[in-house]
PDB file of all heavy atoms in Angstrom:
ATOM      1  N   LEU A   1       0.820  -1.200  -0.023  1.00  0.00           N
ATOM      2  CA  LEU A   1       0.017   0.002  -0.002  1.00  0.00           C
ATOM      3  C   LEU A   1       0.836   1.230  -0.002  1.00  0.00           C
ATOM      4  O   LEU A   1       2.031   1.272   0.407  1.00  0.00           O
ATOM      5  CB  LEU A   1      -0.901   0.013   1.214  1.00  0.00           C
ATOM      6  CG  LEU A   1      -1.975  -1.089   1.361  1.00  0.00           C
ATOM      7  CD1 LEU A   1      -2.642  -1.030   2.675  1.00  0.00           C
ATOM      8  CD2 LEU A   1      -3.018  -0.918   0.204  1.00  0.00           C
ATOM      9  N   GLU A   2       0.253   2.387  -0.459  1.00  0.00           N
ATOM     10  CA  GLU A   2       0.877   3.657  -0.304  1.00  0.00           C
ATOM     11  C   GLU A   2       0.858   4.029   1.174  1.00  0.00           C
ATOM     12  O   GLU A   2       0.026   3.559   1.929  1.00  0.00           O
ATOM     13  CB  GLU A   2       0.174   4.704  -1.179  1.00  0.00           C
ATOM     14  CG  GLU A   2       0.380   4.440  -2.663  1.00  0.00           C
ATOM     15  CD  GLU A   2      -0.304   5.496  -3.515  1.00  0.00           C
ATOM     16  OE1 GLU A   2      -1.250   6.117  -3.058  1.00  0.00           O
ATOM     17  OE2 GLU A   2       0.077   5.616  -4.677  1.00  0.00           O
ATOM     18  N   SER A   3       1.707   4.971   1.557  1.00  0.00           N
ATOM     19  CA  SER A   3       1.951   5.238   2.973  1.00  0.00           C
ATOM     20  C   SER A   3       0.657   5.710   3.719  1.00  0.00           C
ATOM     21  O   SER A   3       0.415   5.337   4.887  1.00  0.00           O
ATOM     22  CB  SER A   3       3.004   6.289   3.123  1.00  0.00           C
ATOM     23  OG  SER A   3       2.673   7.500   2.469  1.00  0.00           O
ATOM     24  N   ASP A   4      -0.203   6.525   3.042  1.00  0.00           N
ATOM     25  CA  ASP A   4      -1.378   6.998   3.734  1.00  0.00           C
ATOM     26  C   ASP A   4      -2.349   5.848   4.032  1.00  0.00           C
ATOM     27  O   ASP A   4      -2.902   5.822   5.120  1.00  0.00           O
ATOM     28  CB  ASP A   4      -2.080   8.111   2.904  1.00  0.00           C
ATOM     29  CG  ASP A   4      -2.385   7.725   1.491  1.00  0.00           C
ATOM     30  OD1 ASP A   4      -1.760   6.717   1.003  1.00  0.00           O
ATOM     31  OD2 ASP A   4      -3.197   8.345   0.857  1.00  0.00           O
ATOM     32  N   ASP A   5      -2.445   4.881   3.131  1.00  0.00           N
ATOM     33  CA  ASP A   5      -3.358   3.724   3.339  1.00  0.00           C
ATOM     34  C   ASP A   5      -2.712   2.804   4.421  1.00  0.00           C
ATOM     35  O   ASP A   5      -3.414   2.210   5.248  1.00  0.00           O
ATOM     36  CB  ASP A   5      -3.538   2.957   2.042  1.00  0.00           C
ATOM     37  CG  ASP A   5      -4.432   3.746   1.058  1.00  0.00           C
ATOM     38  OD1 ASP A   5      -5.262   4.557   1.522  1.00  0.00           O
ATOM     39  OD2 ASP A   5      -4.204   3.591  -0.131  1.00  0.00           O
ATOM     40  N   ALA A   6      -1.396   2.698   4.374  1.00  0.00           N
ATOM     41  CA  ALA A   6      -0.734   1.868   5.390  1.00  0.00           C
ATOM     42  C   ALA A   6      -0.857   2.419   6.794  1.00  0.00           C
ATOM     43  O   ALA A   6      -1.098   1.672   7.749  1.00  0.00           O
ATOM     44  CB  ALA A   6       0.773   1.754   5.006  1.00  0.00           C
ATOM     45  N   VAL A   7      -0.785   3.716   6.933  1.00  0.00           N
ATOM     46  CA  VAL A   7      -0.967   4.372   8.234  1.00  0.00           C
ATOM     47  C   VAL A   7      -2.434   4.120   8.741  1.00  0.00           C
ATOM     48  O   VAL A   7      -2.652   3.865   9.892  1.00  0.00           O
ATOM     49  CB  VAL A   7      -0.698   5.892   8.156  1.00  0.00           C
ATOM     50  CG1 VAL A   7      -1.187   6.602   9.417  1.00  0.00           C
ATOM     51  CG2 VAL A   7       0.791   6.125   7.960  1.00  0.00           C
ATOM     52  N   TYR A   8      -3.378   4.154   7.783  1.00  0.00           N
ATOM     53  CA  TYR A   8      -4.832   3.919   8.189  1.00  0.00           C
ATOM     54  C   TYR A   8      -4.931   2.493   8.800  1.00  0.00           C
ATOM     55  O   TYR A   8      -5.651   2.307   9.816  1.00  0.00           O
ATOM     56  CB  TYR A   8      -5.690   4.001   6.983  1.00  0.00           C
ATOM     57  CG  TYR A   8      -7.106   3.614   7.176  1.00  0.00           C
ATOM     58  CD1 TYR A   8      -7.982   4.398   7.999  1.00  0.00           C
ATOM     59  CD2 TYR A   8      -7.650   2.451   6.605  1.00  0.00           C
ATOM     60  CE1 TYR A   8      -9.248   4.011   8.222  1.00  0.00           C
ATOM     61  CE2 TYR A   8      -8.974   2.080   6.818  1.00  0.00           C
ATOM     62  CZ  TYR A   8      -9.746   2.844   7.640  1.00  0.00           C
ATOM     63  OH  TYR A   8     -11.066   2.500   7.839  1.00  0.00           O
ATOM     64  N   LEU A   9      -4.186   1.529   8.283  1.00  0.00           N
ATOM     65  CA  LEU A   9      -4.252   0.178   8.828  1.00  0.00           C
ATOM     66  C   LEU A   9      -3.551   0.046  10.190  1.00  0.00           C
ATOM     67  O   LEU A   9      -3.962  -0.646  11.077  1.00  0.00           O
ATOM     68  CB  LEU A   9      -3.619  -0.851   7.851  1.00  0.00           C
ATOM     69  CG  LEU A   9      -4.312  -1.064   6.556  1.00  0.00           C
ATOM     70  CD1 LEU A   9      -3.681  -2.219   5.813  1.00  0.00           C
ATOM     71  CD2 LEU A   9      -5.801  -1.306   6.678  1.00  0.00           C
ATOM     72  N   LEU A  10      -2.480   0.842  10.337  1.00  0.00           N
ATOM     73  CA  LEU A  10      -1.640   0.669  11.524  1.00  0.00           C
ATOM     74  C   LEU A  10      -2.140   1.492  12.746  1.00  0.00           C
ATOM     75  O   LEU A  10      -1.931   1.086  13.901  1.00  0.00           O
ATOM     76  CB  LEU A  10      -0.203   1.112  11.227  1.00  0.00           C
ATOM     77  CG  LEU A  10       0.652   0.174  10.364  1.00  0.00           C
ATOM     78  CD1 LEU A  10       1.902   0.875   9.878  1.00  0.00           C
ATOM     79  CD2 LEU A  10       1.016  -1.091  11.175  1.00  0.00           C
ATOM     80  N   GLU A  11      -2.784   2.641  12.482  1.00  0.00           N
ATOM     81  CA  GLU A  11      -2.943   3.627  13.543  1.00  0.00           C
ATOM     82  C   GLU A  11      -3.758   3.137  14.767  1.00  0.00           C
ATOM     83  O   GLU A  11      -3.513   3.597  15.859  1.00  0.00           O
ATOM     84  CB  GLU A  11      -3.533   4.930  13.023  1.00  0.00           C
ATOM     85  CG  GLU A  11      -4.854   4.783  12.364  1.00  0.00           C
ATOM     86  CD  GLU A  11      -5.333   6.053  11.736  1.00  0.00           C
ATOM     87  OE1 GLU A  11      -4.580   7.084  11.851  1.00  0.00           O
ATOM     88  OE2 GLU A  11      -6.380   6.109  11.053  1.00  0.00           O
ATOM     89  N   ASP A  12      -4.692   2.208  14.567  1.00  0.00           N
ATOM     90  CA  ASP A  12      -5.539   1.775  15.695  1.00  0.00           C
ATOM     91  C   ASP A  12      -5.046   0.477  16.325  1.00  0.00           C
ATOM     92  O   ASP A  12      -5.722  -0.009  17.257  1.00  0.00           O
ATOM     93  CB  ASP A  12      -6.990   1.563  15.198  1.00  0.00           C
ATOM     94  CG  ASP A  12      -7.598   2.865  14.746  1.00  0.00           C
ATOM     95  OD1 ASP A  12      -7.301   3.887  15.359  1.00  0.00           O
ATOM     96  OD2 ASP A  12      -8.344   2.860  13.729  1.00  0.00           O
ATOM     97  N   LEU A  13      -3.932  -0.043  15.872  1.00  0.00           N
ATOM     98  CA  LEU A  13      -3.460  -1.289  16.419  1.00  0.00           C
ATOM     99  C   LEU A  13      -2.767  -1.098  17.776  1.00  0.00           C
ATOM    100  O   LEU A  13      -2.301   0.010  18.073  1.00  0.00           O
ATOM    101  CB  LEU A  13      -2.448  -1.994  15.469  1.00  0.00           C
ATOM    102  CG  LEU A  13      -2.971  -2.423  14.109  1.00  0.00           C
ATOM    103  CD1 LEU A  13      -1.845  -3.051  13.308  1.00  0.00           C
ATOM    104  CD2 LEU A  13      -4.099  -3.431  14.246  1.00  0.00           C
ATOM    105  N   GLU A  14      -2.728  -2.202  18.568  1.00  0.00           N
ATOM    106  CA  GLU A  14      -1.950  -2.122  19.814  1.00  0.00           C
ATOM    107  C   GLU A  14      -0.511  -1.883  19.518  1.00  0.00           C
ATOM    108  O   GLU A  14       0.001  -2.285  18.448  1.00  0.00           O
ATOM    109  CB  GLU A  14      -2.123  -3.462  20.569  1.00  0.00           C
ATOM    110  CG  GLU A  14      -3.509  -3.768  21.015  1.00  0.00           C
ATOM    111  CD  GLU A  14      -3.991  -2.794  22.130  1.00  0.00           C
ATOM    112  OE1 GLU A  14      -3.135  -2.252  22.842  1.00  0.00           O
ATOM    113  OE2 GLU A  14      -5.247  -2.692  22.320  1.00  0.00           O
ATOM    114  N   LYS A  15       0.191  -1.195  20.417  1.00  0.00           N
ATOM    115  CA  LYS A  15       1.593  -0.869  20.196  1.00  0.00           C
ATOM    116  C   LYS A  15       2.469  -2.071  19.887  1.00  0.00           C
ATOM    117  O   LYS A  15       3.302  -2.066  19.015  1.00  0.00           O
ATOM    118  CB  LYS A  15       2.139  -0.116  21.415  1.00  0.00           C
ATOM    119  CG  LYS A  15       3.484   0.547  21.202  1.00  0.00           C
ATOM    120  CD  LYS A  15       3.377   1.677  20.190  1.00  0.00           C
ATOM    121  CE  LYS A  15       4.754   2.373  20.056  1.00  0.00           C
ATOM    122  NZ  LYS A  15       4.690   3.435  19.030  1.00  0.00           N
ATOM    123  N   ALA A  16       2.191  -3.166  20.578  1.00  0.00           N
ATOM    124  CA  ALA A  16       2.992  -4.395  20.367  1.00  0.00           C
ATOM    125  C   ALA A  16       2.802  -4.936  18.947  1.00  0.00           C
ATOM    126  O   ALA A  16       3.729  -5.323  18.267  1.00  0.00           O
ATOM    127  CB  ALA A  16       2.608  -5.468  21.412  1.00  0.00           C
ATOM    128  N   ASP A  17       1.518  -4.878  18.469  1.00  0.00           N
ATOM    129  CA  ASP A  17       1.253  -5.352  17.090  1.00  0.00           C
ATOM    130  C   ASP A  17       1.874  -4.415  16.092  1.00  0.00           C
ATOM    131  O   ASP A  17       2.434  -4.874  15.048  1.00  0.00           O
ATOM    132  CB  ASP A  17      -0.237  -5.449  16.861  1.00  0.00           C
ATOM    133  CG  ASP A  17      -0.884  -6.594  17.657  1.00  0.00           C
ATOM    134  OD1 ASP A  17      -0.218  -7.649  17.816  1.00  0.00           O
ATOM    135  OD2 ASP A  17      -2.039  -6.460  18.056  1.00  0.00           O
ATOM    136  N   GLN A  18       1.824  -3.104  16.327  1.00  0.00           N
ATOM    137  CA  GLN A  18       2.450  -2.159  15.421  1.00  0.00           C
ATOM    138  C   GLN A  18       3.931  -2.443  15.315  1.00  0.00           C
ATOM    139  O   GLN A  18       4.479  -2.513  14.172  1.00  0.00           O
ATOM    140  CB  GLN A  18       2.263  -0.734  15.977  1.00  0.00           C
ATOM    141  CG  GLN A  18       0.978  -0.076  15.599  1.00  0.00           C
ATOM    142  CD  GLN A  18       0.973   1.422  15.993  1.00  0.00           C
ATOM    143  OE1 GLN A  18       2.013   1.995  16.334  1.00  0.00           O
ATOM    144  NE2 GLN A  18      -0.194   2.046  15.911  1.00  0.00           N
ATOM    145  N   THR A  19       4.578  -2.668  16.459  1.00  0.00           N
ATOM    146  CA  THR A  19       6.000  -2.885  16.443  1.00  0.00           C
ATOM    147  C   THR A  19       6.368  -4.163  15.691  1.00  0.00           C
ATOM    148  O   THR A  19       7.314  -4.171  14.909  1.00  0.00           O
ATOM    149  CB  THR A  19       6.547  -3.004  17.929  1.00  0.00           C
ATOM    150  OG1 THR A  19       6.203  -1.776  18.573  1.00  0.00           O
ATOM    151  CG2 THR A  19       8.053  -3.219  17.917  1.00  0.00           C
ATOM    152  N   GLU A  20       5.590  -5.223  15.892  1.00  0.00           N
ATOM    153  CA  GLU A  20       5.871  -6.496  15.242  1.00  0.00           C
ATOM    154  C   GLU A  20       5.672  -6.378  13.725  1.00  0.00           C
ATOM    155  O   GLU A  20       6.460  -6.895  12.926  1.00  0.00           O
ATOM    156  CB  GLU A  20       4.950  -7.581  15.748  1.00  0.00           C
ATOM    157  CG  GLU A  20       5.196  -8.991  15.140  1.00  0.00           C
ATOM    158  CD  GLU A  20       4.258 -10.044  15.681  1.00  0.00           C
ATOM    159  OE1 GLU A  20       3.635  -9.800  16.711  1.00  0.00           O
ATOM    160  OE2 GLU A  20       4.157 -11.077  15.005  1.00  0.00           O
ATOM    161  N   ILE A  21       4.611  -5.713  13.310  1.00  0.00           N
ATOM    162  CA  ILE A  21       4.322  -5.536  11.894  1.00  0.00           C
ATOM    163  C   ILE A  21       5.408  -4.652  11.253  1.00  0.00           C
ATOM    164  O   ILE A  21       5.913  -4.969  10.146  1.00  0.00           O
ATOM    165  CB  ILE A  21       2.918  -4.942  11.715  1.00  0.00           C
ATOM    166  CG1 ILE A  21       1.867  -5.984  12.079  1.00  0.00           C
ATOM    167  CG2 ILE A  21       2.702  -4.530  10.261  1.00  0.00           C
ATOM    168  CD1 ILE A  21       0.483  -5.437  12.181  1.00  0.00           C
ATOM    169  N   LEU A  22       5.720  -3.544  11.881  1.00  0.00           N
ATOM    170  CA  LEU A  22       6.746  -2.626  11.331  1.00  0.00           C
ATOM    171  C   LEU A  22       8.125  -3.310  11.175  1.00  0.00           C
ATOM    172  O   LEU A  22       8.888  -2.921  10.298  1.00  0.00           O
ATOM    173  CB  LEU A  22       6.819  -1.362  12.141  1.00  0.00           C
ATOM    174  CG  LEU A  22       5.650  -0.399  12.031  1.00  0.00           C
ATOM    175  CD1 LEU A  22       5.682   0.695  13.085  1.00  0.00           C
ATOM    176  CD2 LEU A  22       5.611   0.213  10.642  1.00  0.00           C
ATOM    177  N   SER A  23       8.366  -4.260  12.094  1.00  0.00           N
ATOM    178  CA  SER A  23       9.670  -4.909  12.064  1.00  0.00           C
ATOM    179  C   SER A  23       9.837  -5.736  10.747  1.00  0.00           C
ATOM    180  O   SER A  23      10.965  -6.141  10.343  1.00  0.00           O
ATOM    181  CB  SER A  23       9.875  -5.809  13.229  1.00  0.00           C
ATOM    182  OG  SER A  23       8.986  -6.907  13.195  1.00  0.00           O
ATOM    183  N   GLN A  24       8.702  -6.058  10.069  1.00  0.00           N
ATOM    184  CA  GLN A  24       8.739  -6.849   8.860  1.00  0.00           C
ATOM    185  C   GLN A  24       8.676  -5.976   7.622  1.00  0.00           C
ATOM    186  O   GLN A  24       8.568  -6.512   6.495  1.00  0.00           O
ATOM    187  CB  GLN A  24       7.545  -7.807   8.850  1.00  0.00           C
ATOM    188  CG  GLN A  24       7.497  -8.746  10.068  1.00  0.00           C
ATOM    189  CD  GLN A  24       6.248  -9.630  10.074  1.00  0.00           C
ATOM    190  OE1 GLN A  24       5.975 -10.292   9.079  1.00  0.00           O
ATOM    191  NE2 GLN A  24       5.583  -9.622  11.200  1.00  0.00           N
ATOM    192  N   ILE A  25       8.774  -4.663   7.807  1.00  0.00           N
ATOM    193  CA  ILE A  25       8.742  -3.715   6.696  1.00  0.00           C
ATOM    194  C   ILE A  25      10.192  -3.262   6.362  1.00  0.00           C
ATOM    195  O   ILE A  25      10.994  -3.056   7.304  1.00  0.00           O
ATOM    196  CB  ILE A  25       7.891  -2.473   7.035  1.00  0.00           C
ATOM    197  CG1 ILE A  25       6.499  -2.929   7.538  1.00  0.00           C
ATOM    198  CG2 ILE A  25       7.792  -1.543   5.853  1.00  0.00           C
ATOM    199  CD1 ILE A  25       5.671  -3.636   6.515  1.00  0.00           C
ATOM    200  N   PRO A  26      10.571  -3.079   5.114  1.00  0.00           N
ATOM    201  CA  PRO A  26      11.922  -2.550   4.818  1.00  0.00           C
ATOM    202  C   PRO A  26      12.189  -1.264   5.580  1.00  0.00           C
ATOM    203  O   PRO A  26      11.322  -0.474   5.866  1.00  0.00           O
ATOM    204  CB  PRO A  26      11.847  -2.290   3.303  1.00  0.00           C
ATOM    205  CG  PRO A  26      10.824  -3.233   2.808  1.00  0.00           C
ATOM    206  CD  PRO A  26       9.783  -3.352   3.866  1.00  0.00           C
ATOM    207  N   ALA A  27      13.472  -1.064   5.946  1.00  0.00           N
ATOM    208  CA  ALA A  27      13.844  -0.011   6.847  1.00  0.00           C
ATOM    209  C   ALA A  27      13.408   1.388   6.389  1.00  0.00           C
ATOM    210  O   ALA A  27      12.870   2.170   7.165  1.00  0.00           O
ATOM    211  CB  ALA A  27      15.396   0.000   7.005  1.00  0.00           C
ATOM    212  N   ALA A  28      13.590   1.688   5.103  1.00  0.00           N
ATOM    213  CA  ALA A  28      13.185   3.045   4.627  1.00  0.00           C
ATOM    214  C   ALA A  28      11.709   3.263   4.752  1.00  0.00           C
ATOM    215  O   ALA A  28      11.208   4.324   5.215  1.00  0.00           O
ATOM    216  CB  ALA A  28      13.634   3.226   3.183  1.00  0.00           C
ATOM    217  N   ASP A  29      10.920   2.269   4.320  1.00  0.00           N
ATOM    218  CA  ASP A  29       9.459   2.375   4.456  1.00  0.00           C
ATOM    219  C   ASP A  29       9.026   2.441   5.908  1.00  0.00           C
ATOM    220  O   ASP A  29       8.043   3.127   6.282  1.00  0.00           O
ATOM    221  CB  ASP A  29       8.782   1.227   3.726  1.00  0.00           C
ATOM    222  CG  ASP A  29       8.995   1.250   2.240  1.00  0.00           C
ATOM    223  OD1 ASP A  29       9.219   2.347   1.677  1.00  0.00           O
ATOM    224  OD2 ASP A  29       8.927   0.159   1.611  1.00  0.00           O
ATOM    225  N   ARG A  30       9.681   1.658   6.755  1.00  0.00           N
ATOM    226  CA  ARG A  30       9.361   1.629   8.190  1.00  0.00           C
ATOM    227  C   ARG A  30       9.577   2.995   8.787  1.00  0.00           C
ATOM    228  O   ARG A  30       8.739   3.496   9.581  1.00  0.00           O
ATOM    229  CB  ARG A  30      10.205   0.580   8.914  1.00  0.00           C
ATOM    230  CG  ARG A  30       9.874   0.528  10.390  1.00  0.00           C
ATOM    231  CD  ARG A  30      10.530  -0.704  11.045  1.00  0.00           C
ATOM    232  NE  ARG A  30      11.981  -0.628  11.017  1.00  0.00           N
ATOM    233  CZ  ARG A  30      12.806  -1.423  10.341  1.00  0.00           C
ATOM    234  NH1 ARG A  30      12.264  -2.359   9.541  1.00  0.00           N
ATOM    235  NH2 ARG A  30      14.087  -1.332  10.376  1.00  0.00           N
ATOM    236  N   ALA A  31      10.650   3.651   8.437  1.00  0.00           N
ATOM    237  CA  ALA A  31      10.950   4.986   8.996  1.00  0.00           C
ATOM    238  C   ALA A  31       9.837   6.015   8.583  1.00  0.00           C
ATOM    239  O   ALA A  31       9.390   6.859   9.387  1.00  0.00           O
ATOM    240  CB  ALA A  31      12.337   5.468   8.547  1.00  0.00           C
ATOM    241  N   THR A  32       9.424   5.892   7.359  1.00  0.00           N
ATOM    242  CA  THR A  32       8.333   6.779   6.867  1.00  0.00           C
ATOM    243  C   THR A  32       7.040   6.561   7.606  1.00  0.00           C
ATOM    244  O   THR A  32       6.399   7.553   8.014  1.00  0.00           O
ATOM    245  CB  THR A  32       8.082   6.518   5.342  1.00  0.00           C
ATOM    246  OG1 THR A  32       9.249   6.827   4.621  1.00  0.00           O
ATOM    247  CG2 THR A  32       6.954   7.403   4.860  1.00  0.00           C
ATOM    248  N   LEU A  33       6.684   5.323   7.840  1.00  0.00           N
ATOM    249  CA  LEU A  33       5.480   5.017   8.544  1.00  0.00           C
ATOM    250  C   LEU A  33       5.562   5.434  10.006  1.00  0.00           C
ATOM    251  O   LEU A  33       4.569   5.958  10.581  1.00  0.00           O
ATOM    252  CB  LEU A  33       5.109   3.550   8.448  1.00  0.00           C
ATOM    253  CG  LEU A  33       4.777   3.040   7.020  1.00  0.00           C
ATOM    254  CD1 LEU A  33       4.631   1.525   7.028  1.00  0.00           C
ATOM    255  CD2 LEU A  33       3.565   3.697   6.511  1.00  0.00           C
ATOM    256  N   GLU A  34       6.676   5.171  10.666  1.00  0.00           N
ATOM    257  CA  GLU A  34       6.854   5.573  12.048  1.00  0.00           C
ATOM    258  C   GLU A  34       6.732   7.042  12.235  1.00  0.00           C
ATOM    259  O   GLU A  34       6.110   7.521  13.177  1.00  0.00           O
ATOM    260  CB  GLU A  34       8.165   5.029  12.552  1.00  0.00           C
ATOM    261  CG  GLU A  34       8.191   3.488  12.767  1.00  0.00           C
ATOM    262  CD  GLU A  34       9.559   3.024  13.143  1.00  0.00           C
ATOM    263  OE1 GLU A  34      10.558   3.699  12.893  1.00  0.00           O
ATOM    264  OE2 GLU A  34       9.620   1.879  13.663  1.00  0.00           O
ATOM    265  N   ARG A  35       7.304   7.792  11.249  1.00  0.00           N
ATOM    266  CA  ARG A  35       7.203   9.255  11.341  1.00  0.00           C
ATOM    267  C   ARG A  35       5.791   9.718  11.194  1.00  0.00           C
ATOM    268  O   ARG A  35       5.314  10.572  11.928  1.00  0.00           O
ATOM    269  CB  ARG A  35       8.066   9.863  10.232  1.00  0.00           C
ATOM    270  CG  ARG A  35       8.081  11.424  10.281  1.00  0.00           C
ATOM    271  CD  ARG A  35       8.951  11.952   9.147  1.00  0.00           C
ATOM    272  NE  ARG A  35       8.446  11.564   7.827  1.00  0.00           N
ATOM    273  CZ  ARG A  35       9.097  11.814   6.717  1.00  0.00           C
ATOM    274  NH1 ARG A  35      10.235  12.463   6.713  1.00  0.00           N
ATOM    275  NH2 ARG A  35       8.554  11.440   5.547  1.00  0.00           N
ATOM    276  N   SER A  36       5.020   9.131  10.283  1.00  0.00           N
ATOM    277  CA  SER A  36       3.601   9.510  10.080  1.00  0.00           C
ATOM    278  C   SER A  36       2.782   9.197  11.299  1.00  0.00           C
ATOM    279  O   SER A  36       1.910   9.958  11.666  1.00  0.00           O
ATOM    280  CB  SER A  36       3.012   8.771   8.850  1.00  0.00           C
ATOM    281  OG  SER A  36       3.661   9.221   7.653  1.00  0.00           O
ATOM    282  N   LEU A  37       3.080   8.072  12.000  1.00  0.00           N
ATOM    283  CA  LEU A  37       2.318   7.694  13.176  1.00  0.00           C
ATOM    284  C   LEU A  37       2.578   8.568  14.362  1.00  0.00           C
ATOM    285  O   LEU A  37       1.823   8.602  15.306  1.00  0.00           O
ATOM    286  CB  LEU A  37       2.611   6.241  13.508  1.00  0.00           C
ATOM    287  CG  LEU A  37       2.048   5.185  12.589  1.00  0.00           C
ATOM    288  CD1 LEU A  37       2.640   3.806  12.847  1.00  0.00           C
ATOM    289  CD2 LEU A  37       0.547   5.136  12.693  1.00  0.00           C
ATOM    290  N   GLU A  38       3.678   9.339  14.323  1.00  0.00           N
ATOM    291  CA  GLU A  38       4.021  10.253  15.388  1.00  0.00           C
ATOM    292  C   GLU A  38       3.208  11.563  15.328  1.00  0.00           C
ATOM    293  O   GLU A  38       3.082  12.278  16.337  1.00  0.00           O
ATOM    294  CB  GLU A  38       5.544  10.628  15.365  1.00  0.00           C
ATOM    295  CG  GLU A  38       6.404   9.424  15.768  1.00  0.00           C
ATOM    296  CD  GLU A  38       7.866   9.757  15.595  1.00  0.00           C
ATOM    297  OE1 GLU A  38       8.167  10.842  15.112  1.00  0.00           O
ATOM    298  OE2 GLU A  38       8.734   8.879  15.912  1.00  0.00           O
ATOM    299  N   TYR A  39       2.646  11.832  14.168  1.00  0.00           N
ATOM    300  CA  TYR A  39       1.887  13.066  14.014  1.00  0.00           C
ATOM    301  C   TYR A  39       0.519  12.854  14.727  1.00  0.00           C
ATOM    302  O   TYR A  39      -0.001  11.743  14.862  1.00  0.00           O
ATOM    303  CB  TYR A  39       1.643  13.403  12.556  1.00  0.00           C
ATOM    304  CG  TYR A  39       2.923  13.742  11.828  1.00  0.00           C
ATOM    305  CD1 TYR A  39       3.313  13.019  10.666  1.00  0.00           C
ATOM    306  CD2 TYR A  39       3.764  14.739  12.273  1.00  0.00           C
ATOM    307  CE1 TYR A  39       4.490  13.326  10.010  1.00  0.00           C
ATOM    308  CE2 TYR A  39       4.943  15.055  11.622  1.00  0.00           C
ATOM    309  CZ  TYR A  39       5.283  14.343  10.509  1.00  0.00           C
ATOM    310  OH  TYR A  39       6.441  14.606   9.828  1.00  0.00           O
ATOM    311  N   PRO A  40      -0.119  13.955  15.189  1.00  0.00           N
ATOM    312  CA  PRO A  40      -1.394  13.840  15.887  1.00  0.00           C
ATOM    313  C   PRO A  40      -2.483  13.152  15.060  1.00  0.00           C
ATOM    314  O   PRO A  40      -2.512  13.328  13.822  1.00  0.00           O
ATOM    315  CB  PRO A  40      -1.799  15.289  16.177  1.00  0.00           C
ATOM    316  CG  PRO A  40      -0.518  16.099  16.092  1.00  0.00           C
ATOM    317  CD  PRO A  40       0.327  15.340  15.051  1.00  0.00           C
ATOM    318  N   GLU A  41      -3.337  12.395  15.644  1.00  0.00           N
ATOM    319  CA  GLU A  41      -4.467  11.781  14.985  1.00  0.00           C
ATOM    320  C   GLU A  41      -5.369  12.823  14.391  1.00  0.00           C
ATOM    321  O   GLU A  41      -5.684  13.793  15.047  1.00  0.00           O
ATOM    322  CB  GLU A  41      -5.230  10.875  15.980  1.00  0.00           C
ATOM    323  CG  GLU A  41      -6.342  10.069  15.297  1.00  0.00           C
ATOM    324  CD  GLU A  41      -7.022   9.121  16.292  1.00  0.00           C
ATOM    325  OE1 GLU A  41      -6.518   8.986  17.409  1.00  0.00           O
ATOM    326  OE2 GLU A  41      -8.040   8.567  15.902  1.00  0.00           O
ATOM    327  N   GLY A  42      -5.788  12.638  13.169  1.00  0.00           N
ATOM    328  CA  GLY A  42      -6.685  13.613  12.519  1.00  0.00           C
ATOM    329  C   GLY A  42      -5.936  14.790  11.912  1.00  0.00           C
ATOM    330  O   GLY A  42      -6.538  15.770  11.496  1.00  0.00           O
ATOM    331  N   SER A  43      -4.574  14.718  11.844  1.00  0.00           N
ATOM    332  CA  SER A  43      -3.802  15.803  11.278  1.00  0.00           C
ATOM    333  C   SER A  43      -3.427  15.514   9.824  1.00  0.00           C
ATOM    334  O   SER A  43      -3.607  14.402   9.369  1.00  0.00           O
ATOM    335  CB  SER A  43      -2.544  16.016  12.119  1.00  0.00           C
ATOM    336  OG  SER A  43      -1.678  14.920  11.997  1.00  0.00           O
ATOM    337  N   ALA A  44      -2.881  16.506   9.182  1.00  0.00           N
ATOM    338  CA  ALA A  44      -2.431  16.335   7.794  1.00  0.00           C
ATOM    339  C   ALA A  44      -1.302  15.280   7.721  1.00  0.00           C
ATOM    340  O   ALA A  44      -1.180  14.580   6.733  1.00  0.00           O
ATOM    341  CB  ALA A  44      -1.975  17.698   7.213  1.00  0.00           C
ATOM    342  N   GLY A  45      -0.519  15.168   8.806  1.00  0.00           N
ATOM    343  CA  GLY A  45       0.578  14.165   8.822  1.00  0.00           C
ATOM    344  C   GLY A  45       0.067  12.749   8.735  1.00  0.00           C
ATOM    345  O   GLY A  45       0.728  11.872   8.161  1.00  0.00           O
TER     346      GLY A  45
END
């Protein structure tokens, strides 16, 4: 998925599940998703 759709899948998961799933993502893509998840919910980020 593109990053915005991927964030939609990840944002409501438990932290442990997020971490496990992100560990299976390539490093560059993982960094992008982790950065997006740090932005406030409902924000442009």
